[in-house]
All heavy atoms as atom14 arrays in JSON, in Angstrom:
{
  "sequence": "SKRGKSKGTMFALIGVGAVVLVGIAVLVTVALVKKGG",
  "atom14_mask": [
    [1, 1, 1, 1, 1, 1, 0, 0, 0, 0, 0, 0, 0, 0],
    [1, 1, 1, 1, 1, 1, 1, 1, 1, 0, 0, 0, 0, 0],
    [1, 1, 1, 1, 1, 1, 1, 1, 1, 1, 1, 0, 0, 0],
    [1, 1, 1, 1, 0, 0, 0, 0, 0, 0, 0, 0, 0, 0],
    [1, 1, 1, 1, 1, 1, 1, 1, 1, 0, 0, 0, 0, 0],
    [1, 1, 1, 1, 1, 1, 0, 0, 0, 0, 0, 0, 0, 0],
    [1, 1, 1, 1, 1, 1, 1, 1, 1, 0, 0, 0, 0, 0],
    [1, 1, 1, 1, 0, 0, 0, 0, 0, 0, 0, 0, 0, 0],
    [1, 1, 1, 1, 1, 1, 1, 0, 0, 0, 0, 0, 0, 0],
    [1, 1, 1, 1, 1, 1, 1, 1, 0, 0, 0, 0, 0, 0],
    [1, 1, 1, 1, 1, 1, 1, 1, 1, 1, 1, 0, 0, 0],
    [1, 1, 1, 1, 1, 0, 0, 0, 0, 0, 0, 0, 0, 0],
    [1, 1, 1, 1, 1, 1, 1, 1, 0, 0, 0, 0, 0, 0],
    [1, 1, 1, 1, 1, 1, 1, 1, 0, 0, 0, 0, 0, 0],
    [1, 1, 1, 1, 0, 0, 0, 0, 0, 0, 0, 0, 0, 0],
    [1, 1, 1, 1, 1, 1, 1, 0, 0, 0, 0, 0, 0, 0],
    [1, 1, 1, 1, 0, 0, 0, 0, 0, 0, 0, 0, 0, 0],
    [1, 1, 1, 1, 1, 0, 0, 0, 0, 0, 0, 0, 0, 0],
    [1, 1, 1, 1, 1, 1, 1, 0, 0, 0, 0, 0, 0, 0],
    [1, 1, 1, 1, 1, 1, 1, 0, 0, 0, 0, 0, 0, 0],
    [1, 1, 1, 1, 1, 1, 1, 1, 0, 0, 0, 0, 0, 0],
    [1, 1, 1, 1, 1, 1, 1, 0, 0, 0, 0, 0, 0, 0],
    [1, 1, 1, 1, 0, 0, 0, 0, 0, 0, 0, 0, 0, 0],
    [1, 1, 1, 1, 1, 1, 1, 1, 0, 0, 0, 0, 0, 0],
    [1, 1, 1, 1, 1, 0, 0, 0, 0, 0, 0, 0, 0, 0],
    [1, 1, 1, 1, 1, 1, 1, 0, 0, 0, 0, 0, 0, 0],
    [1, 1, 1, 1, 1, 1, 1, 1, 0, 0, 0, 0, 0, 0],
    [1, 1, 1, 1, 1, 1, 1, 0, 0, 0, 0, 0, 0, 0],
    [1, 1, 1, 1, 1, 1, 1, 0, 0, 0, 0, 0, 0, 0],
    [1, 1, 1, 1, 1, 1, 1, 0, 0, 0, 0, 0, 0, 0],
    [1, 1, 1, 1, 1, 0, 0, 0, 0, 0, 0, 0, 0, 0],
    [1, 1, 1, 1, 1, 1, 1, 1, 0, 0, 0, 0, 0, 0],
    [1, 1, 1, 1, 1, 1, 1, 0, 0, 0, 0, 0, 0, 0],
    [1, 1, 1, 1, 1, 1, 1, 1, 1, 0, 0, 0, 0, 0],
    [1, 1, 1, 1, 1, 1, 1, 1, 1, 0, 0, 0, 0, 0],
    [1, 1, 1, 1, 0, 0, 0, 0, 0, 0, 0, 0, 0, 0],
    [1, 1, 1, 1, 0, 0, 0, 0, 0, 0, 0, 0, 0, 0]
  ],
  "atom14_positions": [
    [[2.62, 25.45, -10.42], [3.75, 25.36, -9.49], [4.44, 24.02, -9.66], [3.85, 22.97, -9.45], [3.24, 25.52, -8.04], [4.28, 25.3, -7.13], [0.0, 0.0, 0.0], [0.0, 0.0, 0.0], [0.0, 0.0, 0.0], [0.0, 0.0, 0.0], [0.0, 0.0, 0.0], [0.0, 0.0, 0.0], [0.0, 0.0, 0.0], [0.0, 0.0, 0.0]],
    [[5.68, 24.07, -10.09], [6.45, 22.81, -10.26], [6.68, 22.13, -8.92], [6.67, 20.92, -8.79], [7.77, 23.11, -10.94], [7.62, 23.61, -12.37], [8.98, 23.82, -13.01], [8.85, 24.3, -14.45], [10.17, 24.5, -15.08], [0.0, 0.0, 0.0], [0.0, 0.0, 0.0], [0.0, 0.0, 0.0], [0.0, 0.0, 0.0], [0.0, 0.0, 0.0]],
    [[6.87, 22.95, -7.89], [7.11, 22.37, -6.57], [5.87, 21.64, -6.06], [5.95, 20.54, -5.53], [7.5, 23.48, -5.6], [7.86, 22.99, -4.22], [8.29, 24.13, -3.33], [8.62, 23.66, -2.01], [8.99, 24.46, -1.01], [9.09, 25.77, -1.23], [9.27, 23.96, 0.18], [0.0, 0.0, 0.0], [0.0, 0.0, 0.0], [0.0, 0.0, 0.0]],
    [[4.69, 22.29, -6.27], [3.44, 21.63, -5.83], [3.19, 20.37, -6.63], [2.68, 19.38, -6.11], [0.0, 0.0, 0.0], [0.0, 0.0, 0.0], [0.0, 0.0, 0.0], [0.0, 0.0, 0.0], [0.0, 0.0, 0.0], [0.0, 0.0, 0.0], [0.0, 0.0, 0.0], [0.0, 0.0, 0.0], [0.0, 0.0, 0.0], [0.0, 0.0, 0.0]],
    [[3.51, 20.38, -7.93], [3.3, 19.18, -8.75], [4.16, 18.03, -8.3], [3.73, 16.88, -8.22], [3.58, 19.53, -10.21], [3.31, 18.38, -11.17], [3.52, 18.84, -12.6], [3.23, 17.69, -13.57], [3.44, 18.1, -14.97], [0.0, 0.0, 0.0], [0.0, 0.0, 0.0], [0.0, 0.0, 0.0], [0.0, 0.0, 0.0], [0.0, 0.0, 0.0]],
    [[5.43, 18.31, -7.93], [6.32, 17.24, -7.47], [5.85, 16.67, -6.15], [5.92, 15.47, -5.9], [7.75, 17.78, -7.35], [7.79, 18.84, -6.39], [0.0, 0.0, 0.0], [0.0, 0.0, 0.0], [0.0, 0.0, 0.0], [0.0, 0.0, 0.0], [0.0, 0.0, 0.0], [0.0, 0.0, 0.0], [0.0, 0.0, 0.0], [0.0, 0.0, 0.0]],
    [[5.34, 17.56, -5.26], [4.81, 17.05, -3.98], [3.59, 16.17, -4.19], [3.43, 15.14, -3.56], [4.45, 18.23, -3.08], [5.67, 18.89, -2.43], [5.2, 19.93, -1.44], [6.39, 20.56, -0.72], [5.98, 21.58, 0.27], [0.0, 0.0, 0.0], [0.0, 0.0, 0.0], [0.0, 0.0, 0.0], [0.0, 0.0, 0.0], [0.0, 0.0, 0.0]],
    [[2.69, 16.6, -5.13], [1.51, 15.78, -5.4], [1.88, 14.41, -5.95], [1.29, 13.39, -5.58], [0.0, 0.0, 0.0], [0.0, 0.0, 0.0], [0.0, 0.0, 0.0], [0.0, 0.0, 0.0], [0.0, 0.0, 0.0], [0.0, 0.0, 0.0], [0.0, 0.0, 0.0], [0.0, 0.0, 0.0], [0.0, 0.0, 0.0], [0.0, 0.0, 0.0]],
    [[2.87, 14.35, -6.82], [3.32, 13.06, -7.36], [3.9, 12.17, -6.26], [3.63, 10.97, -6.2], [4.37, 13.29, -8.46], [3.82, 14.13, -9.46], [4.81, 11.97, -9.07], [0.0, 0.0, 0.0], [0.0, 0.0, 0.0], [0.0, 0.0, 0.0], [0.0, 0.0, 0.0], [0.0, 0.0, 0.0], [0.0, 0.0, 0.0], [0.0, 0.0, 0.0]],
    [[4.68, 12.79, -5.36], [5.28, 12.01, -4.28], [4.21, 11.43, -3.35], [4.25, 10.27, -2.98], [6.23, 12.9, -3.47], [6.91, 12.18, -2.3], [8.02, 13.28, -1.4], [6.83, 14.44, -0.74], [0.0, 0.0, 0.0], [0.0, 0.0, 0.0], [0.0, 0.0, 0.0], [0.0, 0.0, 0.0], [0.0, 0.0, 0.0], [0.0, 0.0, 0.0]],
    [[3.19, 12.27, -3.0], [2.13, 11.78, -2.14], [1.32, 10.67, -2.82], [0.89, 9.7, -2.17], [1.19, 12.93, -1.76], [1.82, 13.93, -0.81], [1.47, 15.26, -0.84], [2.76, 13.51, 0.13], [2.05, 16.16, 0.03], [3.34, 14.39, 1.0], [3.0, 15.73, 0.95], [0.0, 0.0, 0.0], [0.0, 0.0, 0.0], [0.0, 0.0, 0.0]],
    [[1.12, 10.79, -4.14], [0.38, 9.75, -4.86], [1.15, 8.42, -4.84], [0.56, 7.36, -4.64], [0.14, 10.19, -6.31], [0.0, 0.0, 0.0], [0.0, 0.0, 0.0], [0.0, 0.0, 0.0], [0.0, 0.0, 0.0], [0.0, 0.0, 0.0], [0.0, 0.0, 0.0], [0.0, 0.0, 0.0], [0.0, 0.0, 0.0], [0.0, 0.0, 0.0]],
    [[2.47, 8.48, -5.02], [3.27, 7.25, -4.97], [3.25, 6.63, -3.59], [3.17, 5.41, -3.44], [4.72, 7.57, -5.38], [4.92, 7.96, -6.86], [6.37, 8.36, -7.1], [4.53, 6.82, -7.78], [0.0, 0.0, 0.0], [0.0, 0.0, 0.0], [0.0, 0.0, 0.0], [0.0, 0.0, 0.0], [0.0, 0.0, 0.0], [0.0, 0.0, 0.0]],
    [[3.3, 7.49, -2.54], [3.24, 6.96, -1.17], [1.9, 6.29, -0.92], [1.81, 5.22, -0.31], [3.48, 8.1, -0.16], [4.93, 8.61, -0.27], [3.19, 7.63, 1.27], [5.21, 9.81, 0.61], [0.0, 0.0, 0.0], [0.0, 0.0, 0.0], [0.0, 0.0, 0.0], [0.0, 0.0, 0.0], [0.0, 0.0, 0.0], [0.0, 0.0, 0.0]],
    [[0.8, 6.9, -1.42], [-0.52, 6.29, -1.24], [-0.64, 4.96, -1.92], [-1.18, 3.99, -1.37], [0.0, 0.0, 0.0], [0.0, 0.0, 0.0], [0.0, 0.0, 0.0], [0.0, 0.0, 0.0], [0.0, 0.0, 0.0], [0.0, 0.0, 0.0], [0.0, 0.0, 0.0], [0.0, 0.0, 0.0], [0.0, 0.0, 0.0], [0.0, 0.0, 0.0]],
    [[-0.12, 4.84, -3.16], [-0.18, 3.58, -3.89], [0.63, 2.51, -3.14], [0.21, 1.35, -3.0], [0.34, 3.77, -5.32], [0.49, 2.42, -6.01], [-0.6, 4.66, -6.11], [0.0, 0.0, 0.0], [0.0, 0.0, 0.0], [0.0, 0.0, 0.0], [0.0, 0.0, 0.0], [0.0, 0.0, 0.0], [0.0, 0.0, 0.0], [0.0, 0.0, 0.0]],
    [[1.81, 2.91, -2.63], [2.62, 1.95, -1.89], [1.93, 1.44, -0.64], [2.0, 0.26, -0.3], [0.0, 0.0, 0.0], [0.0, 0.0, 0.0], [0.0, 0.0, 0.0], [0.0, 0.0, 0.0], [0.0, 0.0, 0.0], [0.0, 0.0, 0.0], [0.0, 0.0, 0.0], [0.0, 0.0, 0.0], [0.0, 0.0, 0.0], [0.0, 0.0, 0.0]],
    [[1.24, 2.36, 0.06], [0.52, 1.95, 1.27], [-0.59, 0.96, 0.95], [-0.81, -0.03, 1.66], [-0.04, 3.18, 1.98], [0.0, 0.0, 0.0], [0.0, 0.0, 0.0], [0.0, 0.0, 0.0], [0.0, 0.0, 0.0], [0.0, 0.0, 0.0], [0.0, 0.0, 0.0], [0.0, 0.0, 0.0], [0.0, 0.0, 0.0], [0.0, 0.0, 0.0]],
    [[-1.33, 1.21, -0.15], [-2.4, 0.3, -0.55], [-1.85, -1.08, -0.89], [-2.41, -2.12, -0.5], [-3.17, 0.88, -1.76], [-4.14, -0.14, -2.32], [-3.93, 2.15, -1.36], [0.0, 0.0, 0.0], [0.0, 0.0, 0.0], [0.0, 0.0, 0.0], [0.0, 0.0, 0.0], [0.0, 0.0, 0.0], [0.0, 0.0, 0.0], [0.0, 0.0, 0.0]],
    [[-0.7, -1.1, -1.58], [-0.08, -2.4, -1.93], [0.33, -3.16, -0.67], [0.12, -4.37, -0.54], [1.12, -2.18, -2.85], [1.88, -3.49, -3.07], [0.66, -1.62, -4.21], [0.0, 0.0, 0.0], [0.0, 0.0, 0.0], [0.0, 0.0, 0.0], [0.0, 0.0, 0.0], [0.0, 0.0, 0.0], [0.0, 0.0, 0.0], [0.0, 0.0, 0.0]],
    [[0.93, -2.46, 0.3], [1.35, -3.11, 1.55], [0.16, -3.67, 2.32], [0.22, -4.77, 2.88], [2.13, -2.12, 2.41], [3.52, -1.7, 1.89], [4.14, -0.66, 2.79], [4.43, -2.93, 1.78], [0.0, 0.0, 0.0], [0.0, 0.0, 0.0], [0.0, 0.0, 0.0], [0.0, 0.0, 0.0], [0.0, 0.0, 0.0], [0.0, 0.0, 0.0]],
    [[-0.92, -2.88, 2.38], [-2.13, -3.37, 3.08], [-2.68, -4.61, 2.39], [-3.08, -5.59, 3.04], [-3.2, -2.26, 3.14], [-4.52, -2.8, 3.66], [-2.72, -1.12, 4.03], [0.0, 0.0, 0.0], [0.0, 0.0, 0.0], [0.0, 0.0, 0.0], [0.0, 0.0, 0.0], [0.0, 0.0, 0.0], [0.0, 0.0, 0.0], [0.0, 0.0, 0.0]],
    [[-2.72, -4.63, 1.05], [-3.21, -5.8, 0.32], [-2.36, -7.02, 0.6], [-2.87, -8.13, 0.8], [0.0, 0.0, 0.0], [0.0, 0.0, 0.0], [0.0, 0.0, 0.0], [0.0, 0.0, 0.0], [0.0, 0.0, 0.0], [0.0, 0.0, 0.0], [0.0, 0.0, 0.0], [0.0, 0.0, 0.0], [0.0, 0.0, 0.0], [0.0, 0.0, 0.0]],
    [[-1.03, -6.85, 0.64], [-0.15, -7.99, 0.93], [-0.4, -8.5, 2.35], [-0.44, -9.71, 2.58], [1.32, -7.56, 0.74], [1.62, -7.26, -0.74], [2.26, -8.65, 1.25], [2.99, -6.73, -1.0], [0.0, 0.0, 0.0], [0.0, 0.0, 0.0], [0.0, 0.0, 0.0], [0.0, 0.0, 0.0], [0.0, 0.0, 0.0], [0.0, 0.0, 0.0]],
    [[-0.57, -7.58, 3.31], [-0.81, -8.0, 4.69], [-2.11, -8.79, 4.8], [-2.2, -9.79, 5.53], [-0.86, -6.76, 5.61], [0.0, 0.0, 0.0], [0.0, 0.0, 0.0], [0.0, 0.0, 0.0], [0.0, 0.0, 0.0], [0.0, 0.0, 0.0], [0.0, 0.0, 0.0], [0.0, 0.0, 0.0], [0.0, 0.0, 0.0], [0.0, 0.0, 0.0]],
    [[-3.15, -8.35, 4.1], [-4.44, -9.07, 4.13], [-4.29, -10.47, 3.56], [-4.79, -11.46, 4.12], [-5.52, -8.28, 3.37], [-6.79, -9.1, 3.21], [-5.84, -6.98, 4.1], [0.0, 0.0, 0.0], [0.0, 0.0, 0.0], [0.0, 0.0, 0.0], [0.0, 0.0, 0.0], [0.0, 0.0, 0.0], [0.0, 0.0, 0.0], [0.0, 0.0, 0.0]],
    [[-3.58, -10.6, 2.42], [-3.4, -11.91, 1.8], [-2.61, -12.85, 2.72], [-2.93, -14.03, 2.83], [-2.68, -11.75, 0.46], [-3.47, -11.04, -0.65], [-2.6, -10.88, -1.89], [-4.73, -11.83, -1.0], [0.0, 0.0, 0.0], [0.0, 0.0, 0.0], [0.0, 0.0, 0.0], [0.0, 0.0, 0.0], [0.0, 0.0, 0.0], [0.0, 0.0, 0.0]],
    [[-1.57, -12.31, 3.38], [-0.77, -13.15, 4.29], [-1.61, -13.6, 5.47], [-1.56, -14.76, 5.9], [0.47, -12.36, 4.77], [1.19, -13.13, 5.87], [1.43, -12.15, 3.6], [0.0, 0.0, 0.0], [0.0, 0.0, 0.0], [0.0, 0.0, 0.0], [0.0, 0.0, 0.0], [0.0, 0.0, 0.0], [0.0, 0.0, 0.0], [0.0, 0.0, 0.0]],
    [[-2.44, -12.68, 6.02], [-3.29, -13.04, 7.17], [-4.28, -14.13, 6.79], [-4.48, -15.09, 7.54], [-4.05, -11.8, 7.66], [-3.1, -10.78, 8.01], [-4.89, -12.15, 8.88], [0.0, 0.0, 0.0], [0.0, 0.0, 0.0], [0.0, 0.0, 0.0], [0.0, 0.0, 0.0], [0.0, 0.0, 0.0], [0.0, 0.0, 0.0], [0.0, 0.0, 0.0]],
    [[-4.94, -13.99, 5.63], [-5.9, -15.02, 5.2], [-5.21, -16.36, 5.0], [-5.74, -17.41, 5.38], [-6.6, -14.55, 3.89], [-7.44, -15.68, 3.31], [-7.45, -13.33, 4.16], [0.0, 0.0, 0.0], [0.0, 0.0, 0.0], [0.0, 0.0, 0.0], [0.0, 0.0, 0.0], [0.0, 0.0, 0.0], [0.0, 0.0, 0.0], [0.0, 0.0, 0.0]],
    [[-4.01, -16.35, 4.43], [-3.29, -17.6, 4.21], [-2.93, -18.27, 5.52], [-3.03, -19.49, 5.67], [-2.03, -17.33, 3.39], [0.0, 0.0, 0.0], [0.0, 0.0, 0.0], [0.0, 0.0, 0.0], [0.0, 0.0, 0.0], [0.0, 0.0, 0.0], [0.0, 0.0, 0.0], [0.0, 0.0, 0.0], [0.0, 0.0, 0.0], [0.0, 0.0, 0.0]],
    [[-2.52, -17.47, 6.53], [-2.18, -18.04, 7.83], [-3.4, -18.62, 8.53], [-3.33, -19.67, 9.16], [-1.54, -16.96, 8.71], [-0.12, -16.5, 8.29], [0.35, -15.37, 9.2], [0.85, -17.65, 8.34], [0.0, 0.0, 0.0], [0.0, 0.0, 0.0], [0.0, 0.0, 0.0], [0.0, 0.0, 0.0], [0.0, 0.0, 0.0], [0.0, 0.0, 0.0]],
    [[-4.54, -17.91, 8.41], [-5.77, -18.42, 9.04], [-6.19, -19.74, 8.42], [-6.55, -20.7, 9.09], [-6.9, -17.37, 8.92], [-8.22, -17.98, 9.33], [-6.58, -16.17, 9.78], [0.0, 0.0, 0.0], [0.0, 0.0, 0.0], [0.0, 0.0, 0.0], [0.0, 0.0, 0.0], [0.0, 0.0, 0.0], [0.0, 0.0, 0.0], [0.0, 0.0, 0.0]],
    [[-6.14, -19.81, 7.07], [-6.54, -21.06, 6.4], [-5.58, -22.19, 6.7], [-5.97, -23.36, 6.74], [-6.63, -20.83, 4.89], [-7.79, -19.95, 4.47], [-7.92, -19.87, 2.97], [-9.13, -19.07, 2.56], [-9.28, -19.0, 1.1], [0.0, 0.0, 0.0], [0.0, 0.0, 0.0], [0.0, 0.0, 0.0], [0.0, 0.0, 0.0], [0.0, 0.0, 0.0]],
    [[-4.31, -21.87, 6.93], [-3.34, -22.92, 7.19], [-3.36, -23.39, 8.61], [-3.27, -24.57, 8.9], [-1.93, -22.38, 6.84], [-0.83, -23.42, 7.05], [0.52, -22.85, 6.66], [1.61, -23.89, 6.85], [2.95, -23.35, 6.5], [0.0, 0.0, 0.0], [0.0, 0.0, 0.0], [0.0, 0.0, 0.0], [0.0, 0.0, 0.0], [0.0, 0.0, 0.0]],
    [[-3.52, -22.45, 9.58], [-3.37, -22.81, 10.97], [-4.64, -22.9, 11.75], [-4.64, -23.31, 12.89], [0.0, 0.0, 0.0], [0.0, 0.0, 0.0], [0.0, 0.0, 0.0], [0.0, 0.0, 0.0], [0.0, 0.0, 0.0], [0.0, 0.0, 0.0], [0.0, 0.0, 0.0], [0.0, 0.0, 0.0], [0.0, 0.0, 0.0], [0.0, 0.0, 0.0]],
    [[-5.79, -22.5, 11.21], [-7.05, -22.57, 11.96], [-7.07, -21.52, 13.04], [-6.39, -20.51, 13.01], [0.0, 0.0, 0.0], [0.0, 0.0, 0.0], [0.0, 0.0, 0.0], [0.0, 0.0, 0.0], [0.0, 0.0, 0.0], [0.0, 0.0, 0.0], [0.0, 0.0, 0.0], [0.0, 0.0, 0.0], [0.0, 0.0, 0.0], [0.0, 0.0, 0.0]]
  ]
}
């Protein structure tokens, strides 16, 4: 199913984007803690 394949690709891209955003948020939080105590 071409339609199912396109949906699977879209969901995979959304999942990768969410993981990247979570990683950035964790790095920013750690940097703020180390800077501000």
